[in-house]
Amino acid sequence: MDKGNGPGQPSRLLIRGNRGAAEIAFTYDAGSADCETSDILAVLAGHGVKCTFFLTGVWVEKFPELALRIVREGHEIGNHSYGHPDMAKITYQEMLETVLRGEQAIEKATGVDPKPLFRQPFGSFNKEILRAVGEAGYPYSVYWDVDPIDWERPAAQTIVDRILAKAGNGSIVLLHLDGSQTARATGRSIGTLKARGFTFVTIGEMIRRL
C-alpha cells in the first residue's frame, strides 16, 4: 500500500478514490452499539465482497468476538478512535490519546494493526486534527462522498436509493453497524451496482490504485 505522507506529516484526507476506475468501497463505522454486524457480514459473504470496517476501541472491547470475526472473514480494519469524541472539541493531546488508545484496543482484540487508516468520528476534521492523526502514525484519514444517513434508520429502499443516486467511480460509501436496515440495503445496493459494472474494493485496495 502507498504509505501516504511521510513520518510527522499531516494525515492525508481521502474523500474519493480513482475517478477513472469503476470501483466502489463500502465502509462501515462502529461506535458503541452492535445491531446488524452479523447480518451485514452474512450479506457481504453472500456477495463475495470485502469491505473496510472502522472500529472504535470501545466497540472492540464490548464485542471482541465480532471484531475478530470481521478480520477472519477477510475484511479490512481501520481505527475510528477509542471513544468516538468530536475531535474538534478536545485538546491536541487528547486527540493523540484517543487515536492511540483505539489502536491498542483493536490490536488487542484482533491482532491487527489498523494503520494506515483512520476515520475521524462524526467526520470532524481540521488542520490540527489531521496533524495529530498524522503524528499518531496514520497517513490516511478516510472520509466519504456517499452518505445515505443509514444511522437515522430509514427504510432499506431509501438507503439504497440514496447510494445509487450518488455512487460513481471511486466512491467511498459511509454505512454503520448500528442501523436497522443497513444489511438489507447493503445487499440490494451491491447487486445493482455490480449490474452497473462496478467492482467492490477495500480502502487499502483503492489507495493502491490512486
Protein backbone atom coordinates (compact mmCIF):
# COMPACT_ATOMS: atom_id res chain seq x y z
CA MET A 1 0.00 0.00 0.00
CA ASP A 2 1.12 3.55 -0.70
CA LYS A 3 2.38 4.82 2.63
CA GLY A 4 0.84 8.26 2.07
CA ASN A 5 2.56 11.23 3.70
CA GLY A 6 5.88 10.75 5.43
CA PRO A 7 6.55 10.48 9.19
CA GLY A 8 5.42 13.55 11.10
CA GLN A 9 3.36 14.83 8.18
CA PRO A 10 -0.37 15.61 8.48
CA SER A 11 -2.71 12.76 7.66
CA ARG A 12 -3.99 12.90 4.08
CA LEU A 13 -7.74 13.34 3.73
CA LEU A 14 -9.17 10.76 1.32
CA ILE A 15 -12.68 11.59 0.12
CA ARG A 16 -12.82 9.54 -3.06
CA GLY A 17 -10.68 7.08 -4.97
CA ASN A 18 -9.74 6.95 -8.65
CA ARG A 19 -12.48 8.58 -10.70
CA GLY A 20 -11.26 6.65 -13.71
CA ALA A 21 -11.87 3.25 -12.13
CA ALA A 22 -15.30 1.58 -11.92
CA GLU A 23 -14.78 0.56 -8.33
CA ILE A 24 -16.53 1.39 -5.06
CA ALA A 25 -15.61 0.93 -1.40
CA PHE A 26 -18.34 0.26 1.15
CA THR A 27 -17.17 1.23 4.64
CA TYR A 28 -18.85 0.51 7.97
CA ASP A 29 -18.40 2.54 11.15
CA ALA A 30 -18.81 1.16 14.65
CA GLY A 31 -19.42 3.48 17.58
CA SER A 32 -20.51 1.75 20.77
CA ALA A 33 -23.50 -0.38 19.70
CA ASP A 34 -23.97 -3.52 17.64
CA CYS A 35 -27.25 -4.01 15.82
CA GLU A 36 -26.54 -5.55 12.42
CA THR A 37 -22.91 -6.64 12.27
CA SER A 38 -23.62 -10.36 11.89
CA ASP A 39 -26.29 -9.71 9.25
CA ILE A 40 -24.02 -7.34 7.33
CA LEU A 41 -21.18 -9.87 7.36
CA ALA A 42 -23.54 -12.57 6.08
CA VAL A 43 -24.68 -10.33 3.22
CA LEU A 44 -21.11 -9.43 2.28
CA ALA A 45 -20.07 -13.09 2.34
CA GLY A 46 -23.01 -13.98 0.13
CA HIS A 47 -21.89 -11.44 -2.45
CA GLY A 48 -18.18 -12.22 -2.11
CA VAL A 49 -17.42 -8.61 -1.20
CA LYS A 50 -14.68 -7.40 1.14
CA CYS A 51 -15.05 -4.04 2.87
CA THR A 52 -13.34 -1.74 5.35
CA PHE A 53 -14.64 -1.51 8.92
CA PHE A 54 -13.72 1.46 11.09
CA LEU A 55 -13.93 0.32 14.71
CA THR A 56 -13.70 2.23 17.97
CA GLY A 57 -11.77 0.88 20.92
CA VAL A 58 -14.95 0.91 23.00
CA TRP A 59 -16.70 -1.23 20.38
CA VAL A 60 -14.00 -3.87 20.11
CA GLU A 61 -13.81 -4.13 23.90
CA LYS A 62 -17.58 -4.73 24.04
CA PHE A 63 -17.70 -7.06 21.03
CA PRO A 64 -14.29 -8.74 20.69
CA GLU A 65 -15.71 -11.84 19.02
CA LEU A 66 -17.41 -9.77 16.33
CA ALA A 67 -14.25 -7.75 15.80
CA LEU A 68 -12.26 -10.95 15.35
CA ARG A 69 -14.91 -12.35 13.02
CA ILE A 70 -14.63 -9.27 10.79
CA VAL A 71 -10.91 -9.92 10.45
CA ARG A 72 -11.26 -13.68 9.96
CA GLU A 73 -13.76 -13.13 7.15
CA GLY A 74 -11.16 -11.15 5.26
CA HIS A 75 -12.27 -7.58 5.81
CA GLU A 76 -10.01 -4.62 6.41
CA ILE A 77 -9.86 -2.77 9.74
CA GLY A 78 -9.36 0.94 10.30
CA ASN A 79 -9.16 2.95 13.52
CA HIS A 80 -12.20 5.07 14.48
CA SER A 81 -10.72 6.41 17.77
CA TYR A 82 -11.24 4.98 21.24
CA GLY A 83 -14.48 6.54 22.44
CA HIS A 84 -15.83 8.41 19.39
CA PRO A 85 -15.26 12.00 20.54
CA ASP A 86 -15.72 15.03 18.32
CA MET A 87 -12.03 15.69 17.83
CA ALA A 88 -12.64 19.37 17.12
CA LYS A 89 -13.76 19.75 20.73
CA ILE A 90 -10.82 18.16 22.54
CA THR A 91 -7.18 19.13 23.10
CA TYR A 92 -4.35 18.10 20.81
CA GLN A 93 -3.04 15.69 23.44
CA GLU A 94 -6.49 14.16 23.81
CA MET A 95 -6.62 13.69 20.04
CA LEU A 96 -3.39 11.72 20.14
CA GLU A 97 -4.58 9.69 23.10
CA THR A 98 -7.92 8.65 21.56
CA VAL A 99 -6.20 7.58 18.32
CA LEU A 100 -3.51 5.56 20.08
CA ARG A 101 -5.84 4.06 22.68
CA GLY A 102 -8.22 2.98 19.90
CA GLU A 103 -5.32 1.38 18.07
CA GLN A 104 -4.23 -0.53 21.16
CA ALA A 105 -7.73 -1.87 21.80
CA ILE A 106 -8.10 -3.01 18.17
CA GLU A 107 -4.73 -4.75 18.21
CA LYS A 108 -5.53 -6.47 21.50
CA ALA A 109 -8.90 -7.76 20.25
CA THR A 110 -7.92 -8.74 16.71
CA GLY A 111 -4.15 -8.92 16.44
CA VAL A 112 -4.41 -6.40 13.60
CA ASP A 113 -2.66 -3.04 13.40
CA PRO A 114 -5.28 -0.66 11.92
CA LYS A 115 -2.66 1.68 10.45
CA PRO A 116 -2.57 3.35 7.97
CA LEU A 117 -6.34 4.03 8.02
CA PHE A 118 -8.14 6.35 10.41
CA ARG A 119 -11.63 7.82 10.27
CA GLN A 120 -12.49 10.79 12.44
CA PRO A 121 -15.68 10.42 14.49
CA PHE A 122 -18.52 12.50 13.03
CA GLY A 123 -16.28 13.19 10.04
CA SER A 124 -14.88 16.10 12.06
CA PHE A 125 -11.57 17.36 10.74
CA ASN A 126 -9.39 20.45 10.51
CA LYS A 127 -5.68 21.09 10.08
CA GLU A 128 -4.91 20.41 13.74
CA ILE A 129 -6.81 17.11 13.73
CA LEU A 130 -5.08 15.96 10.55
CA ARG A 131 -1.73 16.89 12.10
CA ALA A 132 -2.49 14.89 15.25
CA VAL A 133 -3.67 11.84 13.30
CA GLY A 134 -0.51 12.00 11.18
CA GLU A 135 1.65 12.30 14.28
CA ALA A 136 -0.09 9.22 15.69
CA GLY A 137 1.11 7.28 12.65
CA TYR A 138 -1.87 7.36 10.29
CA PRO A 139 -1.08 8.59 6.76
CA TYR A 140 -4.75 8.44 5.69
CA SER A 141 -7.88 9.98 7.14
CA VAL A 142 -10.72 8.32 5.26
CA TYR A 143 -13.79 10.43 4.57
CA TRP A 144 -16.54 9.63 2.04
CA ASP A 145 -18.50 11.03 -0.88
CA VAL A 146 -21.72 9.00 -0.40
CA ASP A 147 -23.65 9.19 2.87
CA PRO A 148 -27.11 7.55 2.85
CA ILE A 149 -27.60 8.51 6.53
CA ASP A 150 -28.47 4.92 7.47
CA TRP A 151 -27.91 5.68 11.16
CA GLU A 152 -31.25 7.51 11.15
CA ARG A 153 -32.79 4.12 10.31
CA PRO A 154 -34.86 5.00 7.24
CA ALA A 155 -36.45 2.28 5.10
CA ALA A 156 -33.99 -0.02 3.33
CA GLN A 157 -35.04 1.21 -0.10
CA THR A 158 -34.44 4.80 0.97
CA ILE A 159 -30.84 3.89 1.85
CA VAL A 160 -30.46 2.07 -1.47
CA ASP A 161 -31.87 4.98 -3.46
CA ARG A 162 -29.50 7.42 -1.74
CA ILE A 163 -26.50 5.21 -2.50
CA LEU A 164 -27.44 4.61 -6.13
CA ALA A 165 -28.14 8.29 -6.76
CA LYS A 166 -24.59 9.35 -5.84
CA ALA A 167 -22.28 6.35 -6.23
CA GLY A 168 -19.79 6.55 -9.07
CA ASN A 169 -16.22 5.69 -9.97
CA GLY A 170 -14.03 5.69 -6.87
CA SER A 171 -16.89 6.34 -4.44
CA ILE A 172 -16.47 5.72 -0.73
CA VAL A 173 -19.82 4.88 0.89
CA LEU A 174 -20.40 5.54 4.59
CA LEU A 175 -22.52 2.96 6.43
CA HIS A 176 -22.95 1.96 10.09
CA LEU A 177 -23.18 -1.18 12.21
CA ASP A 178 -25.92 0.22 14.44
CA GLY A 179 -28.64 0.78 11.85
CA SER A 180 -31.76 -1.29 11.38
CA GLN A 181 -31.96 -1.68 7.59
CA THR A 182 -28.30 -1.42 6.63
CA ALA A 183 -27.79 -5.13 5.97
CA ARG A 184 -30.81 -5.32 3.68
CA ALA A 185 -29.80 -2.13 1.89
CA THR A 186 -26.25 -3.42 1.50
CA GLY A 187 -27.40 -6.49 -0.39
CA ARG A 188 -29.72 -4.58 -2.70
CA SER A 189 -27.12 -1.91 -3.44
CA ILE A 190 -24.32 -4.37 -4.15
CA GLY A 191 -26.50 -6.32 -6.56
CA THR A 192 -27.48 -3.23 -8.53
CA LEU A 193 -24.00 -1.69 -8.56
CA LYS A 194 -22.46 -4.94 -9.76
CA ALA A 195 -25.03 -5.00 -12.56
CA ARG A 196 -23.90 -1.48 -13.47
CA GLY A 197 -20.34 -2.76 -13.89
CA PHE A 198 -18.78 -1.73 -10.60
CA THR A 199 -16.38 -3.86 -8.60
CA PHE A 200 -16.02 -3.63 -4.82
CA VAL A 201 -12.69 -2.93 -3.14
CA THR A 202 -11.35 -2.16 0.31
CA ILE A 203 -9.92 1.28 1.06
CA GLY A 204 -6.44 -0.23 1.02
CA GLU A 205 -7.01 -1.59 -2.48
CA MET A 206 -8.44 1.74 -3.57
CA ILE A 207 -5.36 3.59 -2.31
CA ARG A 208 -3.03 1.29 -4.20
CA ARG A 209 -4.76 2.29 -7.43
CA LEU A 210 -4.58 6.05 -6.89
